[in-house]
Amino acid sequence: MDDDVICTEKLITDRKTFFLDLKKNARGHVVRITEKVSSNRDRIMVPAEILDDFIAALQDIREALGQQQQQQD
């Protein structure tokens, strides 16, 4: 079964472009995160069933970054 893209989000920064694709394949739903720098691409796949944990971990990192920045000010 071919992968089917359900939804795509695109984030553009100074030098990088990120694509977040919600896909369905033979094993279920996954979020494919692609980082594009020049002509190079790196990808990771996050199973949909752990997406809440993945987002929570990113939020924890964001909070730690904010705390570190406050300490530096």
PDB file of N, CA and C in Angstrom:
ATOM      1  N   MET A   1       0.841  -1.178   0.000  1.00  0.00           N
ATOM      2  CA  MET A   1       0.000   0.000   0.000  1.00  0.00           C
ATOM      3  C   MET A   1       0.887   1.242   0.000  1.00  0.00           C
ATOM      4  N   ASP A   2       0.636   2.177  -0.892  1.00  0.00           N
ATOM      5  CA  ASP A   2       1.400   3.415  -0.963  1.00  0.00           C
ATOM      6  C   ASP A   2       0.999   4.323   0.183  1.00  0.00           C
ATOM      7  N   ASP A   3       1.965   5.160   0.601  1.00  0.00           N
ATOM      8  CA  ASP A   3       1.672   6.148   1.629  1.00  0.00           C
ATOM      9  C   ASP A   3       0.690   7.178   1.092  1.00  0.00           C
ATOM     10  N   ASP A   4      -0.245   7.565   1.934  1.00  0.00           N
ATOM     11  CA  ASP A   4      -1.216   8.589   1.567  1.00  0.00           C
ATOM     12  C   ASP A   4      -1.069   9.772   2.507  1.00  0.00           C
ATOM     13  N   VAL A   5      -0.803  10.952   1.966  1.00  0.00           N
ATOM     14  CA  VAL A   5      -0.689  12.163   2.767  1.00  0.00           C
ATOM     15  C   VAL A   5      -2.090  12.669   3.079  1.00  0.00           C
ATOM     16  N   ILE A   6      -2.346  12.890   4.367  1.00  0.00           N
ATOM     17  CA  ILE A   6      -3.640  13.380   4.815  1.00  0.00           C
ATOM     18  C   ILE A   6      -3.593  14.891   5.018  1.00  0.00           C
ATOM     19  N   CYS A   7      -2.473  15.378   5.561  1.00  0.00           N
ATOM     20  CA  CYS A   7      -2.333  16.796   5.878  1.00  0.00           C
ATOM     21  C   CYS A   7      -0.855  17.149   5.835  1.00  0.00           C
ATOM     22  N   THR A   8      -0.531  18.353   5.390  1.00  0.00           N
ATOM     23  CA  THR A   8       0.852  18.815   5.339  1.00  0.00           C
ATOM     24  C   THR A   8       0.941  20.225   5.904  1.00  0.00           C
ATOM     25  N   GLU A   9       1.974  20.468   6.715  1.00  0.00           N
ATOM     26  CA  GLU A   9       2.304  21.804   7.203  1.00  0.00           C
ATOM     27  C   GLU A   9       3.742  22.098   6.789  1.00  0.00           C
ATOM     28  N   LYS A  10       4.028  23.376   6.526  1.00  0.00           N
ATOM     29  CA  LYS A  10       5.355  23.776   6.072  1.00  0.00           C
ATOM     30  C   LYS A  10       5.831  24.946   6.928  1.00  0.00           C
ATOM     31  N   LEU A  11       7.061  24.834   7.449  1.00  0.00           N
ATOM     32  CA  LEU A  11       7.680  25.900   8.231  1.00  0.00           C
ATOM     33  C   LEU A  11       8.957  26.328   7.522  1.00  0.00           C
ATOM     34  N   ILE A  12       9.093  27.634   7.302  1.00  0.00           N
ATOM     35  CA  ILE A  12      10.270  28.147   6.602  1.00  0.00           C
ATOM     36  C   ILE A  12      11.060  29.025   7.555  1.00  0.00           C
ATOM     37  N   THR A  13      12.362  28.752   7.677  1.00  0.00           N
ATOM     38  CA  THR A  13      13.264  29.576   8.471  1.00  0.00           C
ATOM     39  C   THR A  13      14.299  30.178   7.532  1.00  0.00           C
ATOM     40  N   ASP A  14      15.310  30.803   8.107  1.00  0.00           N
ATOM     41  CA  ASP A  14      16.327  31.454   7.273  1.00  0.00           C
ATOM     42  C   ASP A  14      16.975  30.505   6.277  1.00  0.00           C
ATOM     43  N   ARG A  15      17.431  29.346   6.774  1.00  0.00           N
ATOM     44  CA  ARG A  15      18.170  28.439   5.900  1.00  0.00           C
ATOM     45  C   ARG A  15      17.501  27.093   5.711  1.00  0.00           C
ATOM     46  N   LYS A  16      16.468  26.815   6.475  1.00  0.00           N
ATOM     47  CA  LYS A  16      15.859  25.485   6.458  1.00  0.00           C
ATOM     48  C   LYS A  16      14.368  25.575   6.175  1.00  0.00           C
ATOM     49  N   THR A  17      13.866  24.498   5.629  1.00  0.00           N
ATOM     50  CA  THR A  17      12.425  24.331   5.461  1.00  0.00           C
ATOM     51  C   THR A  17      12.052  23.005   6.102  1.00  0.00           C
ATOM     52  N   PHE A  18      10.990  23.030   6.910  1.00  0.00           N
ATOM     53  CA  PHE A  18      10.499  21.823   7.550  1.00  0.00           C
ATOM     54  C   PHE A  18       9.121  21.489   6.978  1.00  0.00           C
ATOM     55  N   PHE A  19       8.920  20.219   6.684  1.00  0.00           N
ATOM     56  CA  PHE A  19       7.626  19.721   6.241  1.00  0.00           C
ATOM     57  C   PHE A  19       7.133  18.732   7.290  1.00  0.00           C
ATOM     58  N   LEU A  20       5.904  18.882   7.726  1.00  0.00           N
ATOM     59  CA  LEU A  20       5.285  17.943   8.658  1.00  0.00           C
ATOM     60  C   LEU A  20       4.093  17.334   7.943  1.00  0.00           C
ATOM     61  N   ASP A  21       4.179  16.062   7.655  1.00  0.00           N
ATOM     62  CA  ASP A  21       3.146  15.367   6.881  1.00  0.00           C
ATOM     63  C   ASP A  21       2.473  14.306   7.738  1.00  0.00           C
ATOM     64  N   LEU A  22       1.160  14.394   7.861  1.00  0.00           N
ATOM     65  CA  LEU A  22       0.389  13.315   8.471  1.00  0.00           C
ATOM     66  C   LEU A  22       0.068  12.342   7.354  1.00  0.00           C
ATOM     67  N   LYS A  23       0.486  11.100   7.560  1.00  0.00           N
ATOM     68  CA  LYS A  23       0.333  10.091   6.514  1.00  0.00           C
ATOM     69  C   LYS A  23      -0.322   8.842   7.077  1.00  0.00           C
ATOM     70  N   LYS A  24      -0.883   8.082   6.192  1.00  0.00           N
ATOM     71  CA  LYS A  24      -1.394   6.759   6.542  1.00  0.00           C
ATOM     72  C   LYS A  24      -0.719   5.760   5.625  1.00  0.00           C
ATOM     73  N   ASN A  25      -0.162   4.720   6.251  1.00  0.00           N
ATOM     74  CA  ASN A  25       0.449   3.665   5.450  1.00  0.00           C
ATOM     75  C   ASN A  25      -0.060   2.316   5.954  1.00  0.00           C
ATOM     76  N   ALA A  26       0.539   1.262   5.517  1.00  0.00           N
ATOM     77  CA  ALA A  26       0.068  -0.089   5.866  1.00  0.00           C
ATOM     78  C   ALA A  26       0.133  -0.355   7.368  1.00  0.00           C
ATOM     79  N   ARG A  27       1.027   0.360   8.086  1.00  0.00           N
ATOM     80  CA  ARG A  27       1.183   0.151   9.531  1.00  0.00           C
ATOM     81  C   ARG A  27       0.351   1.105  10.378  1.00  0.00           C
ATOM     82  N   GLY A  28      -0.321   2.058   9.761  1.00  0.00           N
ATOM     83  CA  GLY A  28      -1.140   3.014  10.506  1.00  0.00           C
ATOM     84  C   GLY A  28      -0.785   4.450  10.161  1.00  0.00           C
ATOM     85  N   HIS A  29      -1.087   5.351  11.091  1.00  0.00           N
ATOM     86  CA  HIS A  29      -0.828   6.770  10.882  1.00  0.00           C
ATOM     87  C   HIS A  29       0.542   7.138  11.450  1.00  0.00           C
ATOM     88  N   VAL A  30       1.252   8.007  10.730  1.00  0.00           N
ATOM     89  CA  VAL A  30       2.547   8.513  11.169  1.00  0.00           C
ATOM     90  C   VAL A  30       2.648   9.989  10.794  1.00  0.00           C
ATOM     91  N   VAL A  31       3.503  10.694  11.529  1.00  0.00           N
ATOM     92  CA  VAL A  31       3.864  12.046  11.147  1.00  0.00           C
ATOM     93  C   VAL A  31       5.305  11.978  10.638  1.00  0.00           C
ATOM     94  N   ARG A  32       5.483  12.357   9.396  1.00  0.00           N
ATOM     95  CA  ARG A  32       6.818  12.387   8.808  1.00  0.00           C
ATOM     96  C   ARG A  32       7.309  13.827   8.888  1.00  0.00           C
ATOM     97  N   ILE A  33       8.456  14.015   9.518  1.00  0.00           N
ATOM     98  CA  ILE A  33       9.062  15.338   9.638  1.00  0.00           C
ATOM     99  C   ILE A  33      10.293  15.354   8.741  1.00  0.00           C
ATOM    100  N   THR A  34      10.287  16.276   7.788  1.00  0.00           N
ATOM    101  CA  THR A  34      11.387  16.400   6.838  1.00  0.00           C
ATOM    102  C   THR A  34      12.056  17.748   7.026  1.00  0.00           C
ATOM    103  N   GLU A  35      13.380  17.722   7.154  1.00  0.00           N
ATOM    104  CA  GLU A  35      14.175  18.942   7.220  1.00  0.00           C
ATOM    105  C   GLU A  35      14.907  19.059   5.893  1.00  0.00           C
ATOM    106  N   LYS A  36      14.725  20.192   5.222  1.00  0.00           N
ATOM    107  CA  LYS A  36      15.398  20.410   3.936  1.00  0.00           C
ATOM    108  C   LYS A  36      16.354  21.588   4.084  1.00  0.00           C
ATOM    109  N   VAL A  37      17.634  21.321   3.810  1.00  0.00           N
ATOM    110  CA  VAL A  37      18.665  22.352   3.803  1.00  0.00           C
ATOM    111  C   VAL A  37      19.367  22.232   2.458  1.00  0.00           C
ATOM    112  N   SER A  38      19.298  23.280   1.682  1.00  0.00           N
ATOM    113  CA  SER A  38      19.821  23.241   0.306  1.00  0.00           C
ATOM    114  C   SER A  38      19.178  22.064  -0.416  1.00  0.00           C
ATOM    115  N   SER A  39      19.993  21.129  -0.900  1.00  0.00           N
ATOM    116  CA  SER A  39      19.413  19.976  -1.593  1.00  0.00           C
ATOM    117  C   SER A  39      19.387  18.730  -0.707  1.00  0.00           C
ATOM    118  N   ASN A  40      19.788  18.867   0.564  1.00  0.00           N
ATOM    119  CA  ASN A  40      19.804  17.731   1.486  1.00  0.00           C
ATOM    120  C   ASN A  40      18.488  17.639   2.256  1.00  0.00           C
ATOM    121  N   ARG A  41      18.033  16.407   2.466  1.00  0.00           N
ATOM    122  CA  ARG A  41      16.815  16.160   3.237  1.00  0.00           C
ATOM    123  C   ARG A  41      17.075  15.083   4.275  1.00  0.00           C
ATOM    124  N   ASP A  42      16.584  15.338   5.468  1.00  0.00           N
ATOM    125  CA  ASP A  42      16.614  14.341   6.536  1.00  0.00           C
ATOM    126  C   ASP A  42      15.180  14.149   7.011  1.00  0.00           C
ATOM    127  N   ARG A  43      14.837  12.907   7.341  1.00  0.00           N
ATOM    128  CA  ARG A  43      13.455  12.598   7.735  1.00  0.00           C
ATOM    129  C   ARG A  43      13.429  11.737   8.972  1.00  0.00           C
ATOM    130  N   ILE A  44      12.390  11.970   9.775  1.00  0.00           N
ATOM    131  CA  ILE A  44      12.065  11.055  10.866  1.00  0.00           C
ATOM    132  C   ILE A  44      10.580  10.761  10.778  1.00  0.00           C
ATOM    133  N   MET A  45      10.195   9.618  11.309  1.00  0.00           N
ATOM    134  CA  MET A  45       8.788   9.213  11.333  1.00  0.00           C
ATOM    135  C   MET A  45       8.378   9.070  12.792  1.00  0.00           C
ATOM    136  N   VAL A  46       7.283   9.709  13.160  1.00  0.00           N
ATOM    137  CA  VAL A  46       6.759   9.623  14.519  1.00  0.00           C
ATOM    138  C   VAL A  46       5.410   8.910  14.442  1.00  0.00           C
ATOM    139  N   PRO A  47       5.286   7.748  15.061  1.00  0.00           N
ATOM    140  CA  PRO A  47       3.995   7.049  15.040  1.00  0.00           C
ATOM    141  C   PRO A  47       2.916   7.916  15.692  1.00  0.00           C
ATOM    142  N   ALA A  48       1.752   7.958  15.105  1.00  0.00           N
ATOM    143  CA  ALA A  48       0.669   8.803  15.602  1.00  0.00           C
ATOM    144  C   ALA A  48       0.291   8.476  17.042  1.00  0.00           C
ATOM    145  N   GLU A  49       0.433   7.221  17.448  1.00  0.00           N
ATOM    146  CA  GLU A  49       0.027   6.850  18.801  1.00  0.00           C
ATOM    147  C   GLU A  49       0.930   7.458  19.874  1.00  0.00           C
ATOM    148  N   ILE A  50       2.124   7.944  19.519  1.00  0.00           N
ATOM    149  CA  ILE A  50       2.969   8.611  20.518  1.00  0.00           C
ATOM    150  C   ILE A  50       3.074  10.112  20.256  1.00  0.00           C
ATOM    151  N   LEU A  51       2.242  10.638  19.387  1.00  0.00           N
ATOM    152  CA  LEU A  51       2.311  12.048  19.021  1.00  0.00           C
ATOM    153  C   LEU A  51       2.114  12.962  20.231  1.00  0.00           C
ATOM    154  N   ASP A  52       1.184  12.649  21.128  1.00  0.00           N
ATOM    155  CA  ASP A  52       0.976  13.472  22.326  1.00  0.00           C
ATOM    156  C   ASP A  52       2.238  13.502  23.183  1.00  0.00           C
ATOM    157  N   ASP A  53       2.899  12.361  23.353  1.00  0.00           N
ATOM    158  CA  ASP A  53       4.140  12.309  24.125  1.00  0.00           C
ATOM    159  C   ASP A  53       5.254  13.098  23.430  1.00  0.00           C
ATOM    160  N   PHE A  54       5.312  13.023  22.119  1.00  0.00           N
ATOM    161  CA  PHE A  54       6.325  13.741  21.342  1.00  0.00           C
ATOM    162  C   PHE A  54       6.134  15.249  21.510  1.00  0.00           C
ATOM    163  N   ILE A  55       4.890  15.699  21.405  1.00  0.00           N
ATOM    164  CA  ILE A  55       4.586  17.125  21.564  1.00  0.00           C
ATOM    165  C   ILE A  55       4.877  17.574  22.992  1.00  0.00           C
ATOM    166  N   ALA A  56       4.536  16.763  23.981  1.00  0.00           N
ATOM    167  CA  ALA A  56       4.813  17.094  25.380  1.00  0.00           C
ATOM    168  C   ALA A  56       6.323  17.238  25.607  1.00  0.00           C
ATOM    169  N   ALA A  57       7.105  16.370  24.995  1.00  0.00           N
ATOM    170  CA  ALA A  57       8.560  16.447  25.132  1.00  0.00           C
ATOM    171  C   ALA A  57       9.088  17.740  24.508  1.00  0.00           C
ATOM    172  N   LEU A  58       8.549  18.135  23.366  1.00  0.00           N
ATOM    173  CA  LEU A  58       8.951  19.397  22.738  1.00  0.00           C
ATOM    174  C   LEU A  58       8.563  20.584  23.611  1.00  0.00           C
ATOM    175  N   GLN A  59       7.395  20.526  24.238  1.00  0.00           N
ATOM    176  CA  GLN A  59       6.972  21.596  25.131  1.00  0.00           C
ATOM    177  C   GLN A  59       7.893  21.690  26.346  1.00  0.00           C
ATOM    178  N   ASP A  60       8.320  20.549  26.881  1.00  0.00           N
ATOM    179  CA  ASP A  60       9.272  20.540  27.999  1.00  0.00           C
ATOM    180  C   ASP A  60      10.581  21.203  27.590  1.00  0.00           C
ATOM    181  N   ILE A  61      11.036  20.916  26.386  1.00  0.00           N
ATOM    182  CA  ILE A  61      12.269  21.521  25.885  1.00  0.00           C
ATOM    183  C   ILE A  61      12.089  23.028  25.724  1.00  0.00           C
ATOM    184  N   ARG A  62      10.946  23.449  25.212  1.00  0.00           N
ATOM    185  CA  ARG A  62      10.674  24.883  25.046  1.00  0.00           C
ATOM    186  C   ARG A  62      10.678  25.591  26.397  1.00  0.00           C
ATOM    187  N   GLU A  63      10.076  24.964  27.410  1.00  0.00           N
ATOM    188  CA  GLU A  63      10.066  25.548  28.755  1.00  0.00           C
ATOM    189  C   GLU A  63      11.473  25.635  29.320  1.00  0.00           C
ATOM    190  N   ALA A  64      12.281  24.606  29.137  1.00  0.00           N
ATOM    191  CA  ALA A  64      13.665  24.622  29.627  1.00  0.00           C
ATOM    192  C   ALA A  64      14.458  25.727  28.942  1.00  0.00           C
ATOM    193  N   LEU A  65      14.239  25.912  27.655  1.00  0.00           N
ATOM    194  CA  LEU A  65      14.902  26.978  26.919  1.00  0.00           C
ATOM    195  C   LEU A  65      14.495  28.337  27.469  1.00  0.00           C
ATOM    196  N   GLY A  66      13.208  28.524  27.722  1.00  0.00           N
ATOM    197  CA  GLY A  66      12.723  29.775  28.280  1.00  0.00           C
ATOM    198  C   GLY A  66      13.334  30.063  29.647  1.00  0.00           C
ATOM    199  N   GLN A  67      13.439  29.048  30.465  1.00  0.00           N
ATOM    200  CA  GLN A  67      14.056  29.215  31.784  1.00  0.00           C
ATOM    201  C   GLN A  67      15.523  29.592  31.665  1.00  0.00           C
ATOM    202  N   GLN A  68      16.215  28.943  30.752  1.00  0.00           N
ATOM    203  CA  GLN A  68      17.625  29.252  30.540  1.00  0.00           C
ATOM    204  C   GLN A  68      17.804  30.688  30.053  1.00  0.00           C
ATOM    205  N   GLN A  69      16.950  31.120  29.152  1.00  0.00           N
ATOM    206  CA  GLN A  69      17.047  32.477  28.630  1.00  0.00           C
ATOM    207  C   GLN A  69      16.757  33.502  29.719  1.00  0.00           C
ATOM    208  N   GLN A  70      15.811  33.215  30.621  1.00  0.00           N
ATOM    209  CA  GLN A  70      15.504  34.118  31.731  1.00  0.00           C
ATOM    210  C   GLN A  70      16.697  34.233  32.670  1.00  0.00           C
ATOM    211  N   GLN A  71      17.395  33.140  32.897  1.00  0.00           N
ATOM    212  CA  GLN A  71      18.566  33.148  33.787  1.00  0.00           C
ATOM    213  C   GLN A  71      19.700  33.959  33.189  1.00  0.00           C
ATOM    214  N   GLN A  72      19.768  33.997  31.874  1.00  0.00           N
ATOM    215  CA  GLN A  72      20.841  34.742  31.202  1.00  0.00           C
ATOM    216  C   GLN A  72      20.566  36.239  31.186  1.00  0.00           C
ATOM    217  N   ASP A  73      19.311  36.625  31.351  1.00  0.00           N
ATOM    218  CA  ASP A  73      18.938  38.059  31.315  1.00  0.00           C
ATOM    219  C   ASP A  73      19.238  38.763  32.598  1.00  0.00           C
TER     220      ASP A  73
END
